[in-house]
Amino acid sequence: MNLRAVRAIVVKDLTVLRHAKAVLIPLIVVPLVMLLVLPALAAFAPRLADLPGASDLNALLEGMPAAMQARLAGFSEDERIVVLLLTYLFAPLYLILPLMVASVIAADTFAGERERRTLEALIYTPTSDMELLVGKLLAGFLPALAVAWGGFAFYSVVANLAAWPTLGRLFFPTGMWFVLALWVAPAVAAVGLGATVIVSSRVSTFQEAYQIGGVVVLPIVLLVVGQAAGVVVLSTGFVVALGAVFWAVALVLLRYGARTFRRGELMARA
């Protein structure tokens, strides 16, 4: 494999990305909401719980499984609300970031090339099918990793600042969050990348590729709902197993994409 050719594809795609507003806007707005706005609002959650009619948070705490209750047993009522939100309930939402970044960029790989009418020039570059595919995959995976790991560091700072008035100490990150960021987040990005690249190589526009590829967010949504309902309890062991499942799915999707990718078929659909 010609690594210089792969690198050239990655650099070219990332350069184009900087000028694509339809791609950049969600890559900026969504991380700001997930990593700044939501954890900042958690600082006010204990006050909201004291307002008349605002009993949802207390009811949520009381409805948590025994395992979750045990983890929060050493905290006061206000502290439990903040820790529950920042450590557990927001954790699945964090996984949306690498998934979204990988999916948005992957949707722009081939479908975006068609819209910009640059696909023919790309097809006739002196690279093999595998080099072209690997370059496209890395162009989505590397930014997803950067957002996931950079976002984890940023969220750690914001979470501690938001919780300081209530806890009065640093409490974040936890071991479970390290596993989530270093093991699960890359796997989620790989799943989004594999699914969306397969779709993107078969549809005509960026919007079509992004909307169809967005179906992969459903497992994350189910995780959010399951945890809020008390059905799922995030722990280090559970997160390790979850990452293994995502990696297995990602490998299947990426292997299928590699076996079925043919640049000649791209031209036939152009």
Protein backbone atom coordinates (compact mmCIF):
# COMPACT_ATOMS: atom_id res chain seq x y z
CA MET A 1 0.00 0.00 0.00
CA ASN A 2 1.27 3.45 -0.96
CA LEU A 3 1.12 5.40 2.30
CA ARG A 4 1.97 8.68 0.56
CA ALA A 5 -1.08 8.28 -1.68
CA VAL A 6 -3.27 7.52 1.35
CA ARG A 7 -1.90 10.56 3.14
CA ALA A 8 -2.60 12.74 0.08
CA ILE A 9 -6.25 11.62 0.06
CA VAL A 10 -6.60 12.36 3.79
CA VAL A 11 -5.05 15.81 3.45
CA LYS A 12 -7.20 16.62 0.44
CA ASP A 13 -10.43 15.59 2.19
CA LEU A 14 -9.60 17.52 5.35
CA THR A 15 -8.74 20.59 3.27
CA VAL A 16 -12.10 20.40 1.50
CA LEU A 17 -13.79 19.90 4.88
CA ARG A 18 -12.62 23.31 6.10
CA HIS A 19 -14.66 25.02 3.36
CA ALA A 20 -17.83 22.88 3.59
CA LYS A 21 -20.31 24.78 5.78
CA ALA A 22 -22.90 21.99 5.68
CA VAL A 23 -20.31 19.71 7.26
CA LEU A 24 -18.60 22.16 9.61
CA ILE A 25 -21.69 23.64 11.29
CA PRO A 26 -22.88 20.41 12.95
CA LEU A 27 -19.26 19.56 13.83
CA ILE A 28 -19.05 22.81 15.84
CA VAL A 29 -22.55 23.28 17.25
CA VAL A 30 -23.24 19.75 18.51
CA PRO A 31 -19.97 19.37 20.50
CA LEU A 32 -20.53 22.78 22.10
CA VAL A 33 -24.00 21.73 23.27
CA MET A 34 -22.87 18.30 24.48
CA LEU A 35 -19.61 19.35 26.13
CA LEU A 36 -20.38 22.84 27.42
CA VAL A 37 -24.08 23.66 27.63
CA LEU A 38 -25.37 20.38 29.12
CA PRO A 39 -22.70 19.99 31.84
CA ALA A 40 -23.01 23.69 32.70
CA LEU A 41 -26.76 23.25 33.20
CA ALA A 42 -26.05 20.37 35.58
CA ALA A 43 -24.72 22.93 38.06
CA PHE A 44 -28.24 24.32 38.41
CA ALA A 45 -29.97 20.94 38.65
CA PRO A 46 -30.09 20.84 42.49
CA ARG A 47 -31.83 24.24 42.55
CA LEU A 48 -34.32 23.14 39.92
CA ALA A 49 -35.15 20.08 42.00
CA ASP A 50 -36.33 22.35 44.83
CA LEU A 51 -38.77 24.28 42.65
CA PRO A 52 -42.51 23.55 42.99
CA GLY A 53 -43.58 20.84 40.58
CA ALA A 54 -39.99 19.93 39.66
CA SER A 55 -39.96 16.46 41.19
CA ASP A 56 -38.72 14.60 38.10
CA LEU A 57 -35.09 14.56 39.20
CA ASN A 58 -35.90 13.20 42.64
CA ALA A 59 -38.21 10.61 41.09
CA LEU A 60 -35.43 9.65 38.70
CA LEU A 61 -33.05 9.12 41.61
CA GLU A 62 -35.57 7.02 43.51
CA GLY A 63 -36.25 4.90 40.43
CA MET A 64 -32.61 4.03 39.79
CA PRO A 65 -31.60 0.35 40.17
CA ALA A 66 -30.01 -0.82 43.44
CA ALA A 67 -26.56 -0.92 41.84
CA MET A 68 -26.80 2.76 40.91
CA GLN A 69 -28.23 3.66 44.31
CA ALA A 70 -25.23 1.98 45.93
CA ARG A 71 -22.76 4.04 43.88
CA LEU A 72 -24.50 7.28 44.87
CA ALA A 73 -25.00 6.32 48.52
CA GLY A 74 -22.03 8.32 49.77
CA PHE A 75 -23.34 11.61 48.38
CA SER A 76 -25.88 14.08 49.68
CA GLU A 77 -29.15 14.56 47.78
CA ASP A 78 -27.84 17.56 45.79
CA GLU A 79 -24.56 15.80 45.10
CA ARG A 80 -26.35 12.69 43.84
CA ILE A 81 -28.25 14.72 41.26
CA VAL A 82 -25.09 16.36 39.90
CA VAL A 83 -23.03 13.14 39.87
CA LEU A 84 -25.87 11.18 38.27
CA LEU A 85 -26.17 13.68 35.44
CA LEU A 86 -22.49 14.35 34.77
CA THR A 87 -21.13 10.83 35.27
CA TYR A 88 -23.91 8.57 34.07
CA LEU A 89 -26.81 10.16 32.18
CA PHE A 90 -24.59 12.32 29.95
CA ALA A 91 -22.19 9.45 29.16
CA PRO A 92 -24.19 7.97 26.25
CA LEU A 93 -24.67 11.48 24.84
CA TYR A 94 -20.89 11.83 24.69
CA LEU A 95 -20.76 8.84 22.33
CA ILE A 96 -22.87 10.76 19.84
CA LEU A 97 -19.89 13.05 19.16
CA PRO A 98 -17.45 10.57 17.55
CA LEU A 99 -20.39 8.88 15.81
CA MET A 100 -21.64 12.18 14.39
CA VAL A 101 -18.20 13.42 13.30
CA ALA A 102 -17.34 10.15 11.56
CA SER A 103 -20.78 9.95 9.92
CA VAL A 104 -20.83 13.55 8.68
CA ILE A 105 -17.35 13.34 7.16
CA ALA A 106 -17.95 9.87 5.73
CA ALA A 107 -21.19 11.08 4.14
CA ASP A 108 -19.13 13.68 2.35
CA THR A 109 -16.59 11.16 1.07
CA PHE A 110 -18.14 9.98 -2.17
CA ALA A 111 -21.60 11.56 -2.18
CA GLY A 112 -19.98 14.94 -1.58
CA GLU A 113 -17.52 14.31 -4.40
CA ARG A 114 -20.48 13.71 -6.70
CA GLU A 115 -22.14 16.97 -5.69
CA ARG A 116 -18.90 18.92 -6.22
CA ARG A 117 -18.37 17.11 -9.56
CA THR A 118 -14.88 16.03 -8.49
CA LEU A 119 -15.59 12.30 -8.40
CA GLU A 120 -14.23 11.58 -11.88
CA ALA A 121 -10.89 13.22 -11.08
CA LEU A 122 -10.73 11.20 -7.85
CA ILE A 123 -11.49 7.92 -9.62
CA TYR A 124 -8.67 8.40 -12.11
CA THR A 125 -5.99 9.15 -9.51
CA PRO A 126 -3.10 6.62 -9.59
CA THR A 127 -4.21 4.77 -6.45
CA SER A 128 -5.61 1.32 -5.84
CA ASP A 129 -9.17 0.75 -4.62
CA MET A 130 -7.85 -0.14 -1.16
CA GLU A 131 -5.67 2.97 -0.93
CA LEU A 132 -8.59 5.15 -1.94
CA LEU A 133 -10.91 3.51 0.60
CA VAL A 134 -8.36 3.64 3.45
CA GLY A 135 -7.69 7.31 2.74
CA LYS A 136 -11.40 8.09 2.87
CA LEU A 137 -11.83 6.11 6.09
CA LEU A 138 -8.91 7.80 7.82
CA ALA A 139 -10.19 11.23 6.76
CA GLY A 140 -13.27 10.54 8.88
CA PHE A 141 -11.73 8.48 11.68
CA LEU A 142 -8.89 10.81 12.66
CA PRO A 143 -11.11 13.90 13.21
CA ALA A 144 -13.60 11.71 15.11
CA LEU A 145 -10.81 10.58 17.43
CA ALA A 146 -9.61 14.16 17.88
CA VAL A 147 -13.11 15.33 18.82
CA ALA A 148 -13.70 12.33 21.10
CA TRP A 149 -10.44 12.61 23.04
CA GLY A 150 -10.24 16.39 22.98
CA GLY A 151 -13.91 16.53 23.97
CA PHE A 152 -13.24 14.13 26.86
CA ALA A 153 -10.54 16.42 28.22
CA PHE A 154 -12.73 19.50 27.77
CA TYR A 155 -15.75 17.79 29.35
CA SER A 156 -13.63 16.78 32.35
CA VAL A 157 -12.77 20.41 33.02
CA VAL A 158 -16.34 21.66 32.52
CA ALA A 159 -17.82 18.85 34.64
CA ASN A 160 -15.52 19.62 37.57
CA LEU A 161 -16.26 23.33 37.31
CA ALA A 162 -20.01 22.69 37.14
CA ALA A 163 -19.92 20.32 40.12
CA TRP A 164 -17.55 22.39 42.29
CA PRO A 165 -20.26 24.57 43.93
CA THR A 166 -22.06 21.38 45.04
CA LEU A 167 -19.25 18.88 45.66
CA GLY A 168 -16.41 21.27 46.52
CA ARG A 169 -13.81 18.91 45.03
CA LEU A 170 -12.60 17.30 41.83
CA PHE A 171 -14.48 14.11 41.05
CA PHE A 172 -14.09 13.61 37.30
CA PRO A 173 -13.04 11.65 35.24
CA THR A 174 -13.89 8.22 36.61
CA GLY A 175 -12.43 4.90 35.50
CA MET A 176 -15.60 4.14 33.58
CA TRP A 177 -15.23 7.35 31.59
CA PHE A 178 -11.61 6.55 30.69
CA VAL A 179 -12.77 3.26 29.20
CA LEU A 180 -15.65 5.04 27.47
CA ALA A 181 -13.32 7.58 25.84
CA LEU A 182 -10.37 5.34 24.99
CA TRP A 183 -12.16 2.10 24.08
CA VAL A 184 -15.80 2.71 23.19
CA ALA A 185 -15.60 6.11 21.45
CA PRO A 186 -13.19 4.90 18.71
CA ALA A 187 -15.38 1.82 18.18
CA VAL A 188 -18.52 3.95 17.83
CA ALA A 189 -16.69 6.18 15.33
CA ALA A 190 -15.64 3.11 13.35
CA VAL A 191 -19.25 1.85 13.23
CA GLY A 192 -20.52 5.21 11.98
CA LEU A 193 -17.69 5.40 9.49
CA GLY A 194 -18.22 1.92 8.08
CA ALA A 195 -21.99 2.28 7.73
CA THR A 196 -21.91 5.75 6.22
CA VAL A 197 -19.09 5.08 3.74
CA ILE A 198 -21.03 2.07 2.42
CA VAL A 199 -24.11 4.25 2.01
CA SER A 200 -22.20 7.26 0.69
CA SER A 201 -20.69 5.24 -2.14
CA ARG A 202 -24.17 4.25 -3.30
CA VAL A 203 -26.25 7.45 -3.14
CA SER A 204 -26.07 10.71 -5.04
CA THR A 205 -26.05 13.52 -2.45
CA PHE A 206 -24.46 14.33 0.90
CA GLN A 207 -27.86 14.77 2.57
CA GLU A 208 -29.03 11.32 1.44
CA ALA A 209 -25.85 9.69 2.72
CA TYR A 210 -26.01 11.50 6.06
CA GLN A 211 -29.69 10.79 6.67
CA ILE A 212 -29.48 7.08 5.80
CA GLY A 213 -26.20 6.64 7.66
CA GLY A 214 -27.72 8.38 10.68
CA VAL A 215 -29.66 5.21 11.46
CA VAL A 216 -26.56 3.99 13.33
CA VAL A 217 -27.34 6.50 16.10
CA LEU A 218 -30.31 4.36 17.21
CA PRO A 219 -28.23 2.09 19.53
CA ILE A 220 -26.95 5.21 21.33
CA VAL A 221 -30.50 6.54 21.69
CA LEU A 222 -31.60 3.18 23.13
CA LEU A 223 -28.70 3.36 25.59
CA VAL A 224 -29.80 6.83 26.71
CA VAL A 225 -33.42 5.71 27.14
CA GLY A 226 -32.43 2.48 28.85
CA GLN A 227 -30.28 4.25 31.41
CA ALA A 228 -32.88 6.96 32.09
CA ALA A 229 -35.48 4.21 32.61
CA GLY A 230 -33.21 2.34 35.00
CA VAL A 231 -32.89 -0.67 32.71
CA VAL A 232 -29.20 -0.10 31.93
CA VAL A 233 -26.55 0.76 34.53
CA LEU A 234 -23.24 1.96 33.14
CA SER A 235 -20.23 0.41 34.86
CA THR A 236 -16.65 -0.24 33.82
CA GLY A 237 -17.40 -3.87 32.99
CA PHE A 238 -20.52 -2.99 31.02
CA VAL A 239 -18.64 -0.31 29.05
CA VAL A 240 -15.82 -2.74 28.21
CA ALA A 241 -18.37 -5.24 26.88
CA LEU A 242 -20.21 -2.49 25.00
CA GLY A 243 -16.99 -1.45 23.29
CA ALA A 244 -16.30 -5.03 22.25
CA VAL A 245 -19.75 -5.24 20.63
CA PHE A 246 -19.22 -1.98 18.75
CA TRP A 247 -15.78 -3.09 17.55
CA ALA A 248 -17.24 -6.38 16.29
CA VAL A 249 -19.96 -4.54 14.36
CA ALA A 250 -17.41 -2.06 13.00
CA LEU A 251 -15.14 -4.84 11.72
CA VAL A 252 -18.07 -6.49 9.92
CA LEU A 253 -19.11 -3.21 8.27
CA LEU A 254 -15.56 -2.23 7.31
CA ARG A 255 -14.80 -5.68 5.92
CA TYR A 256 -17.99 -5.63 3.87
CA GLY A 257 -17.18 -2.14 2.60
CA ALA A 258 -13.68 -3.19 1.59
CA ARG A 259 -14.93 -6.30 -0.24
CA THR A 260 -17.65 -4.48 -2.18
CA PHE A 261 -15.87 -1.21 -2.95
CA ARG A 262 -15.09 -0.76 -6.65
CA ARG A 263 -14.27 2.59 -8.17
CA GLY A 264 -15.79 1.51 -11.47
CA GLU A 265 -19.17 1.15 -9.80
CA LEU A 266 -18.84 4.69 -8.41
CA MET A 267 -18.54 6.04 -11.92
CA ALA A 268 -21.58 4.01 -13.02
CA ARG A 269 -23.66 5.70 -10.30
CA ALA A 270 -22.21 9.18 -10.87
